[in-house]
Amino acid sequence: MTMSGRISVEMMTIYRQARYRVIIDNQDYRIELGCSGGELHQWLQQQGAHTAALITACNPYSEKLSDEQNRIAQLKLEAELDRQGYHYYHGEGRNLAGTWIEPGVFILDIERHDACCLAARYQQNALVFLRSGPVCTLAEILSA
């Protein structure tokens, strides 16, 4: 993040170009930012889910942590979701080169504001947000 609390254009470009996926019942679903339809949207409709978000707790503000630190942070995120009663699946985001891979959670029926607050608590710059409808978006998290 920059001094103004905004994410650099270069970092947002990396996030937009990244590849995101969710694993549900041993099936791999790709999340394509800005694309309409797709199997994941069909699955969400079948579940009656109106929103979903892909969030990670790894590498706060895109600063590399150890695998162990990331594992612990991710477990804390999942424990928080369990306490709050959210239903979620595992997923991941990876850069185009496949050299930066972060596990994440795909949370069903979470409002955008709540997803952004959750991601901000884990010091994330952005998250992937889906609303019932055709398009996935990348939500930027702004620092307070």
N, C-alpha and C. Protein backbone atom coordinates (compact mmCIF):
# COMPACT_ATOMS: atom_id res chain seq x y z
N MET A 1 0.84 -1.18 0.00
CA MET A 1 0.00 0.00 0.00
C MET A 1 0.89 1.24 0.00
N THR A 2 0.34 2.33 -0.45
CA THR A 2 1.09 3.57 -0.48
C THR A 2 0.81 4.37 0.78
N MET A 3 1.51 5.49 0.92
CA MET A 3 1.32 6.34 2.09
C MET A 3 -0.12 6.85 2.18
N SER A 4 -0.80 7.01 1.06
CA SER A 4 -2.17 7.51 1.06
C SER A 4 -3.16 6.44 1.47
N GLY A 5 -2.69 5.20 1.65
CA GLY A 5 -3.59 4.11 1.99
C GLY A 5 -4.19 3.44 0.77
N ARG A 6 -3.80 3.90 -0.40
CA ARG A 6 -4.30 3.31 -1.64
C ARG A 6 -3.32 2.26 -2.14
N ILE A 7 -3.85 1.30 -2.83
CA ILE A 7 -3.01 0.25 -3.42
C ILE A 7 -2.49 0.78 -4.75
N SER A 8 -1.24 0.49 -5.05
CA SER A 8 -0.65 0.98 -6.30
C SER A 8 -1.36 0.37 -7.51
N VAL A 9 -1.30 1.09 -8.60
CA VAL A 9 -1.87 0.60 -9.85
C VAL A 9 -1.21 -0.72 -10.25
N GLU A 10 0.10 -0.81 -10.05
CA GLU A 10 0.82 -2.04 -10.40
C GLU A 10 0.32 -3.23 -9.59
N MET A 11 0.09 -3.02 -8.30
CA MET A 11 -0.39 -4.11 -7.45
C MET A 11 -1.81 -4.52 -7.84
N MET A 12 -2.67 -3.56 -8.12
CA MET A 12 -4.03 -3.89 -8.54
C MET A 12 -4.01 -4.65 -9.87
N THR A 13 -3.08 -4.31 -10.75
CA THR A 13 -2.95 -5.04 -12.02
C THR A 13 -2.56 -6.49 -11.76
N ILE A 14 -1.63 -6.69 -10.83
CA ILE A 14 -1.24 -8.06 -10.47
C ILE A 14 -2.44 -8.83 -9.94
N TYR A 15 -3.23 -8.20 -9.06
CA TYR A 15 -4.41 -8.86 -8.51
C TYR A 15 -5.42 -9.18 -9.62
N ARG A 16 -5.62 -8.25 -10.54
CA ARG A 16 -6.59 -8.48 -11.62
C ARG A 16 -6.14 -9.59 -12.57
N GLN A 17 -4.84 -9.73 -12.76
CA GLN A 17 -4.32 -10.76 -13.66
C GLN A 17 -4.17 -12.12 -12.99
N ALA A 18 -4.28 -12.15 -11.68
CA ALA A 18 -4.10 -13.41 -10.94
C ALA A 18 -5.18 -14.41 -11.33
N ARG A 19 -4.91 -15.65 -11.04
CA ARG A 19 -5.86 -16.75 -11.28
C ARG A 19 -6.43 -17.18 -9.94
N TYR A 20 -7.75 -17.26 -9.88
CA TYR A 20 -8.43 -17.63 -8.64
C TYR A 20 -9.25 -18.89 -8.89
N ARG A 21 -9.29 -19.74 -7.86
CA ARG A 21 -10.10 -20.95 -8.00
C ARG A 21 -10.64 -21.36 -6.64
N VAL A 22 -11.70 -22.15 -6.70
CA VAL A 22 -12.37 -22.67 -5.51
C VAL A 22 -12.55 -24.16 -5.71
N ILE A 23 -12.37 -24.92 -4.64
CA ILE A 23 -12.55 -26.37 -4.70
C ILE A 23 -13.79 -26.72 -3.87
N ILE A 24 -14.80 -27.25 -4.56
CA ILE A 24 -16.06 -27.59 -3.91
C ILE A 24 -16.38 -29.04 -4.25
N ASP A 25 -16.49 -29.87 -3.22
CA ASP A 25 -16.80 -31.29 -3.42
C ASP A 25 -15.90 -31.91 -4.48
N ASN A 26 -14.61 -31.68 -4.35
CA ASN A 26 -13.58 -32.21 -5.24
C ASN A 26 -13.68 -31.70 -6.68
N GLN A 27 -14.46 -30.66 -6.91
CA GLN A 27 -14.52 -30.05 -8.23
C GLN A 27 -13.84 -28.69 -8.17
N ASP A 28 -13.06 -28.40 -9.18
CA ASP A 28 -12.28 -27.17 -9.28
C ASP A 28 -13.06 -26.15 -10.11
N TYR A 29 -13.38 -25.01 -9.50
CA TYR A 29 -14.07 -23.93 -10.21
C TYR A 29 -13.14 -22.74 -10.34
N ARG A 30 -13.02 -22.21 -11.54
CA ARG A 30 -12.22 -20.99 -11.75
C ARG A 30 -13.11 -19.78 -11.53
N ILE A 31 -12.51 -18.76 -10.93
CA ILE A 31 -13.18 -17.46 -10.81
C ILE A 31 -12.51 -16.54 -11.82
N GLU A 32 -13.29 -16.02 -12.73
CA GLU A 32 -12.75 -15.12 -13.75
C GLU A 32 -13.29 -13.73 -13.51
N LEU A 33 -12.40 -12.82 -13.12
CA LEU A 33 -12.81 -11.45 -12.84
C LEU A 33 -13.38 -10.79 -14.09
N GLY A 34 -14.52 -10.15 -13.92
CA GLY A 34 -15.12 -9.42 -15.02
C GLY A 34 -15.82 -10.27 -16.05
N CYS A 35 -15.81 -11.59 -15.88
CA CYS A 35 -16.46 -12.48 -16.84
C CYS A 35 -17.85 -12.84 -16.36
N SER A 36 -18.71 -13.11 -17.29
CA SER A 36 -20.08 -13.43 -16.92
C SER A 36 -20.32 -14.93 -16.92
N GLY A 37 -21.33 -15.32 -16.15
CA GLY A 37 -21.76 -16.71 -16.13
C GLY A 37 -20.73 -17.65 -15.57
N GLY A 38 -20.73 -18.86 -16.09
CA GLY A 38 -19.77 -19.85 -15.67
C GLY A 38 -20.35 -20.84 -14.69
N GLU A 39 -19.62 -21.93 -14.53
CA GLU A 39 -20.08 -23.03 -13.67
C GLU A 39 -20.21 -22.61 -12.21
N LEU A 40 -19.30 -21.76 -11.73
CA LEU A 40 -19.37 -21.35 -10.33
C LEU A 40 -20.64 -20.55 -10.06
N HIS A 41 -21.03 -19.67 -10.96
CA HIS A 41 -22.27 -18.91 -10.79
C HIS A 41 -23.48 -19.84 -10.80
N GLN A 42 -23.45 -20.84 -11.67
CA GLN A 42 -24.53 -21.81 -11.70
C GLN A 42 -24.60 -22.56 -10.37
N TRP A 43 -23.44 -22.95 -9.84
CA TRP A 43 -23.40 -23.66 -8.57
C TRP A 43 -23.96 -22.77 -7.45
N LEU A 44 -23.56 -21.49 -7.43
CA LEU A 44 -24.06 -20.57 -6.41
C LEU A 44 -25.58 -20.46 -6.48
N GLN A 45 -26.12 -20.36 -7.67
CA GLN A 45 -27.57 -20.27 -7.83
C GLN A 45 -28.24 -21.54 -7.32
N GLN A 46 -27.66 -22.69 -7.61
CA GLN A 46 -28.22 -23.95 -7.13
C GLN A 46 -28.23 -24.01 -5.61
N GLN A 47 -27.24 -23.40 -4.98
CA GLN A 47 -27.16 -23.38 -3.52
C GLN A 47 -28.05 -22.32 -2.91
N GLY A 48 -28.57 -21.43 -3.72
CA GLY A 48 -29.37 -20.32 -3.22
C GLY A 48 -28.53 -19.24 -2.57
N ALA A 49 -27.25 -19.21 -2.88
CA ALA A 49 -26.35 -18.20 -2.32
C ALA A 49 -26.45 -16.92 -3.16
N HIS A 50 -26.54 -15.79 -2.48
CA HIS A 50 -26.68 -14.51 -3.17
C HIS A 50 -25.36 -13.78 -3.34
N THR A 51 -24.41 -14.09 -2.46
CA THR A 51 -23.09 -13.45 -2.53
C THR A 51 -22.03 -14.47 -2.12
N ALA A 52 -20.79 -14.15 -2.45
CA ALA A 52 -19.66 -14.97 -2.00
C ALA A 52 -18.40 -14.12 -2.12
N ALA A 53 -17.40 -14.47 -1.33
CA ALA A 53 -16.12 -13.75 -1.38
C ALA A 53 -14.99 -14.74 -1.19
N LEU A 54 -13.90 -14.50 -1.91
CA LEU A 54 -12.67 -15.27 -1.75
C LEU A 54 -11.68 -14.38 -1.02
N ILE A 55 -11.29 -14.83 0.18
CA ILE A 55 -10.41 -14.05 1.05
C ILE A 55 -9.28 -14.94 1.54
N THR A 56 -8.10 -14.36 1.71
CA THR A 56 -6.97 -15.05 2.32
C THR A 56 -6.54 -14.29 3.57
N ALA A 57 -5.84 -14.96 4.43
CA ALA A 57 -5.20 -14.30 5.58
C ALA A 57 -3.69 -14.27 5.40
N CYS A 58 -3.22 -14.79 4.29
CA CYS A 58 -1.78 -14.92 4.05
C CYS A 58 -1.14 -13.62 3.58
N ASN A 59 0.12 -13.48 3.90
CA ASN A 59 0.95 -12.38 3.39
C ASN A 59 0.28 -11.01 3.50
N PRO A 60 0.05 -10.53 4.73
CA PRO A 60 -0.63 -9.24 4.93
C PRO A 60 0.01 -8.13 4.09
N TYR A 61 -0.87 -7.33 3.47
CA TYR A 61 -0.45 -6.24 2.59
C TYR A 61 0.57 -6.70 1.55
N SER A 62 0.45 -7.97 1.14
CA SER A 62 1.32 -8.57 0.11
C SER A 62 2.79 -8.61 0.51
N GLU A 63 3.04 -8.63 1.81
CA GLU A 63 4.41 -8.81 2.32
C GLU A 63 4.58 -10.28 2.66
N LYS A 64 5.57 -10.92 2.07
CA LYS A 64 5.78 -12.36 2.20
C LYS A 64 6.06 -12.76 3.65
N LEU A 65 5.29 -13.72 4.16
CA LEU A 65 5.52 -14.33 5.47
C LEU A 65 5.98 -15.77 5.27
N SER A 66 6.43 -16.39 6.35
CA SER A 66 6.82 -17.80 6.27
C SER A 66 5.58 -18.66 6.06
N ASP A 67 5.78 -19.87 5.57
CA ASP A 67 4.67 -20.80 5.39
C ASP A 67 3.95 -21.04 6.71
N GLU A 68 4.70 -21.15 7.79
CA GLU A 68 4.10 -21.40 9.11
C GLU A 68 3.26 -20.21 9.56
N GLN A 69 3.77 -19.00 9.39
CA GLN A 69 3.00 -17.81 9.76
C GLN A 69 1.71 -17.72 8.95
N ASN A 70 1.80 -18.01 7.67
CA ASN A 70 0.61 -17.99 6.82
C ASN A 70 -0.38 -19.08 7.23
N ARG A 71 0.11 -20.26 7.55
CA ARG A 71 -0.77 -21.36 7.97
C ARG A 71 -1.54 -20.97 9.23
N ILE A 72 -0.85 -20.37 10.19
CA ILE A 72 -1.48 -19.96 11.44
C ILE A 72 -2.53 -18.87 11.18
N ALA A 73 -2.18 -17.89 10.35
CA ALA A 73 -3.12 -16.82 10.03
C ALA A 73 -4.37 -17.38 9.34
N GLN A 74 -4.17 -18.32 8.43
CA GLN A 74 -5.30 -18.91 7.71
C GLN A 74 -6.19 -19.70 8.67
N LEU A 75 -5.59 -20.42 9.60
CA LEU A 75 -6.38 -21.16 10.60
C LEU A 75 -7.19 -20.21 11.48
N LYS A 76 -6.62 -19.06 11.82
CA LYS A 76 -7.36 -18.06 12.61
C LYS A 76 -8.56 -17.53 11.83
N LEU A 77 -8.36 -17.28 10.54
CA LEU A 77 -9.46 -16.81 9.70
C LEU A 77 -10.57 -17.86 9.66
N GLU A 78 -10.21 -19.11 9.45
CA GLU A 78 -11.22 -20.17 9.39
C GLU A 78 -11.94 -20.33 10.73
N ALA A 79 -11.21 -20.21 11.83
CA ALA A 79 -11.84 -20.29 13.16
C ALA A 79 -12.83 -19.15 13.35
N GLU A 80 -12.48 -17.96 12.90
CA GLU A 80 -13.39 -16.82 13.00
C GLU A 80 -14.66 -17.06 12.18
N LEU A 81 -14.49 -17.59 10.98
CA LEU A 81 -15.66 -17.90 10.14
C LEU A 81 -16.54 -18.96 10.79
N ASP A 82 -15.92 -19.96 11.39
CA ASP A 82 -16.68 -21.00 12.10
C ASP A 82 -17.49 -20.39 13.24
N ARG A 83 -16.86 -19.51 14.02
CA ARG A 83 -17.55 -18.85 15.15
C ARG A 83 -18.73 -18.02 14.66
N GLN A 84 -18.57 -17.39 13.51
CA GLN A 84 -19.62 -16.52 12.98
C GLN A 84 -20.69 -17.30 12.20
N GLY A 85 -20.46 -18.59 12.01
CA GLY A 85 -21.45 -19.44 11.36
C GLY A 85 -21.48 -19.38 9.84
N TYR A 86 -20.41 -18.91 9.24
CA TYR A 86 -20.36 -18.86 7.77
C TYR A 86 -20.05 -20.24 7.20
N HIS A 87 -20.61 -20.49 6.03
CA HIS A 87 -20.30 -21.71 5.28
C HIS A 87 -19.25 -21.32 4.25
N TYR A 88 -18.15 -22.08 4.18
CA TYR A 88 -17.08 -21.72 3.26
C TYR A 88 -16.40 -22.97 2.70
N TYR A 89 -15.68 -22.74 1.61
CA TYR A 89 -14.90 -23.77 0.94
C TYR A 89 -13.48 -23.25 0.76
N HIS A 90 -12.57 -24.13 0.46
CA HIS A 90 -11.18 -23.72 0.26
C HIS A 90 -10.95 -23.31 -1.20
N GLY A 91 -10.03 -22.40 -1.36
CA GLY A 91 -9.68 -21.92 -2.69
C GLY A 91 -8.27 -21.37 -2.66
N GLU A 92 -7.91 -20.68 -3.71
CA GLU A 92 -6.58 -20.06 -3.77
C GLU A 92 -6.54 -18.99 -4.84
N GLY A 93 -5.53 -18.15 -4.70
CA GLY A 93 -5.18 -17.18 -5.72
C GLY A 93 -3.71 -17.37 -6.05
N ARG A 94 -3.35 -17.17 -7.31
CA ARG A 94 -1.94 -17.31 -7.71
C ARG A 94 -1.65 -16.30 -8.81
N ASN A 95 -0.41 -15.81 -8.80
CA ASN A 95 -0.01 -14.89 -9.86
C ASN A 95 0.13 -15.64 -11.18
N LEU A 96 0.26 -14.88 -12.26
CA LEU A 96 0.33 -15.50 -13.59
C LEU A 96 1.47 -16.50 -13.72
N ALA A 97 2.61 -16.19 -13.10
CA ALA A 97 3.78 -17.07 -13.20
C ALA A 97 3.65 -18.31 -12.31
N GLY A 98 2.68 -18.29 -11.39
CA GLY A 98 2.52 -19.41 -10.47
C GLY A 98 3.56 -19.45 -9.38
N THR A 99 4.24 -18.33 -9.16
CA THR A 99 5.30 -18.27 -8.15
C THR A 99 4.81 -17.70 -6.82
N TRP A 100 3.61 -17.15 -6.78
CA TRP A 100 3.04 -16.59 -5.56
C TRP A 100 1.65 -17.19 -5.42
N ILE A 101 1.52 -18.16 -4.53
CA ILE A 101 0.25 -18.88 -4.36
C ILE A 101 -0.22 -18.69 -2.92
N GLU A 102 -1.47 -18.28 -2.78
CA GLU A 102 -2.03 -18.08 -1.45
C GLU A 102 -3.32 -18.88 -1.30
N PRO A 103 -3.41 -19.71 -0.26
CA PRO A 103 -4.68 -20.38 0.01
C PRO A 103 -5.69 -19.34 0.49
N GLY A 104 -6.94 -19.64 0.28
CA GLY A 104 -7.99 -18.73 0.73
C GLY A 104 -9.24 -19.50 1.09
N VAL A 105 -10.25 -18.75 1.49
CA VAL A 105 -11.56 -19.33 1.78
C VAL A 105 -12.60 -18.62 0.92
N PHE A 106 -13.52 -19.40 0.40
CA PHE A 106 -14.62 -18.92 -0.43
C PHE A 106 -15.86 -18.95 0.45
N ILE A 107 -16.30 -17.78 0.88
CA ILE A 107 -17.34 -17.65 1.90
C ILE A 107 -18.68 -17.37 1.22
N LEU A 108 -19.67 -18.19 1.53
CA LEU A 108 -21.00 -18.02 0.95
C LEU A 108 -21.83 -17.03 1.76
N ASP A 109 -22.68 -16.30 1.05
CA ASP A 109 -23.65 -15.39 1.65
C ASP A 109 -23.04 -14.42 2.65
N ILE A 110 -21.96 -13.78 2.25
CA ILE A 110 -21.36 -12.72 3.05
C ILE A 110 -21.55 -11.41 2.27
N GLU A 111 -21.99 -10.39 2.96
CA GLU A 111 -22.18 -9.09 2.31
C GLU A 111 -20.82 -8.47 2.00
N ARG A 112 -20.80 -7.64 0.97
CA ARG A 112 -19.54 -7.02 0.54
C ARG A 112 -18.89 -6.24 1.68
N HIS A 113 -19.67 -5.46 2.41
CA HIS A 113 -19.10 -4.67 3.51
C HIS A 113 -18.47 -5.59 4.56
N ASP A 114 -19.17 -6.66 4.91
CA ASP A 114 -18.65 -7.61 5.91
C ASP A 114 -17.40 -8.31 5.40
N ALA A 115 -17.38 -8.66 4.12
CA ALA A 115 -16.20 -9.29 3.53
C ALA A 115 -15.01 -8.34 3.56
N CYS A 116 -15.26 -7.08 3.23
CA CYS A 116 -14.17 -6.09 3.24
C CYS A 116 -13.65 -5.87 4.66
N CYS A 117 -14.54 -5.81 5.64
CA CYS A 117 -14.12 -5.65 7.04
C CYS A 117 -13.29 -6.85 7.49
N LEU A 118 -13.72 -8.04 7.12
CA LEU A 118 -12.99 -9.25 7.47
C LEU A 118 -11.60 -9.24 6.84
N ALA A 119 -11.53 -8.94 5.56
CA ALA A 119 -10.24 -8.89 4.87
C ALA A 119 -9.34 -7.82 5.48
N ALA A 120 -9.92 -6.70 5.86
CA ALA A 120 -9.13 -5.62 6.47
C ALA A 120 -8.55 -6.06 7.81
N ARG A 121 -9.32 -6.84 8.58
CA ARG A 121 -8.80 -7.35 9.87
C ARG A 121 -7.57 -8.23 9.67
N TYR A 122 -7.50 -8.88 8.53
CA TYR A 122 -6.35 -9.73 8.22
C TYR A 122 -5.35 -9.00 7.32
N GLN A 123 -5.47 -7.70 7.26
CA GLN A 123 -4.52 -6.81 6.57
C GLN A 123 -4.34 -7.18 5.10
N GLN A 124 -5.46 -7.42 4.45
CA GLN A 124 -5.44 -7.74 3.02
C GLN A 124 -5.72 -6.49 2.20
N ASN A 125 -5.11 -6.40 1.05
CA ASN A 125 -5.33 -5.28 0.15
C ASN A 125 -6.61 -5.40 -0.65
N ALA A 126 -7.02 -6.63 -0.95
CA ALA A 126 -8.15 -6.83 -1.84
C ALA A 126 -8.75 -8.21 -1.62
N LEU A 127 -9.93 -8.41 -2.18
CA LEU A 127 -10.60 -9.71 -2.15
C LEU A 127 -11.39 -9.85 -3.43
N VAL A 128 -11.83 -11.06 -3.72
CA VAL A 128 -12.69 -11.30 -4.87
C VAL A 128 -14.11 -11.42 -4.35
N PHE A 129 -15.04 -10.68 -4.97
CA PHE A 129 -16.42 -10.66 -4.50
C PHE A 129 -17.36 -11.03 -5.64
N LEU A 130 -18.32 -11.89 -5.34
CA LEU A 130 -19.34 -12.29 -6.31
C LEU A 130 -20.71 -11.96 -5.74
N ARG A 131 -21.56 -11.43 -6.56
CA ARG A 131 -22.95 -11.18 -6.20
C ARG A 131 -23.79 -11.99 -7.17
N SER A 132 -24.96 -12.45 -6.71
CA SER A 132 -25.80 -13.21 -7.64
C SER A 132 -26.05 -12.32 -8.84
N GLY A 133 -25.70 -12.79 -9.94
CA GLY A 133 -25.65 -12.01 -11.16
C GLY A 133 -24.43 -12.48 -11.92
N PRO A 134 -24.15 -11.87 -13.01
CA PRO A 134 -23.19 -12.48 -13.91
C PRO A 134 -21.72 -12.17 -13.71
N VAL A 135 -21.33 -11.20 -12.90
CA VAL A 135 -19.94 -10.76 -12.96
C VAL A 135 -19.24 -10.83 -11.60
N CYS A 136 -17.99 -11.34 -11.59
CA CYS A 136 -17.12 -11.33 -10.41
C CYS A 136 -16.32 -10.03 -10.42
N THR A 137 -16.10 -9.47 -9.24
CA THR A 137 -15.32 -8.23 -9.17
C THR A 137 -14.20 -8.37 -8.16
N LEU A 138 -13.21 -7.51 -8.30
CA LEU A 138 -12.12 -7.42 -7.34
C LEU A 138 -12.41 -6.23 -6.46
N ALA A 139 -12.52 -6.45 -5.17
CA ALA A 139 -12.81 -5.36 -4.24
C ALA A 139 -11.51 -4.91 -3.59
N GLU A 140 -11.22 -3.63 -3.69
CA GLU A 140 -10.03 -3.07 -3.05
C GLU A 140 -10.38 -2.73 -1.61
N ILE A 141 -9.48 -3.07 -0.69
CA ILE A 141 -9.67 -2.74 0.72
C ILE A 141 -8.87 -1.48 0.99
N LEU A 142 -9.53 -0.46 1.47
CA LEU A 142 -8.85 0.79 1.78
C LEU A 142 -8.55 0.83 3.27
N SER A 143 -7.36 1.30 3.62
CA SER A 143 -7.03 1.41 5.04
C SER A 143 -7.80 2.58 5.64
N ALA A 144 -8.10 2.44 6.92
CA ALA A 144 -8.87 3.49 7.61
C ALA A 144 -8.00 4.69 7.90
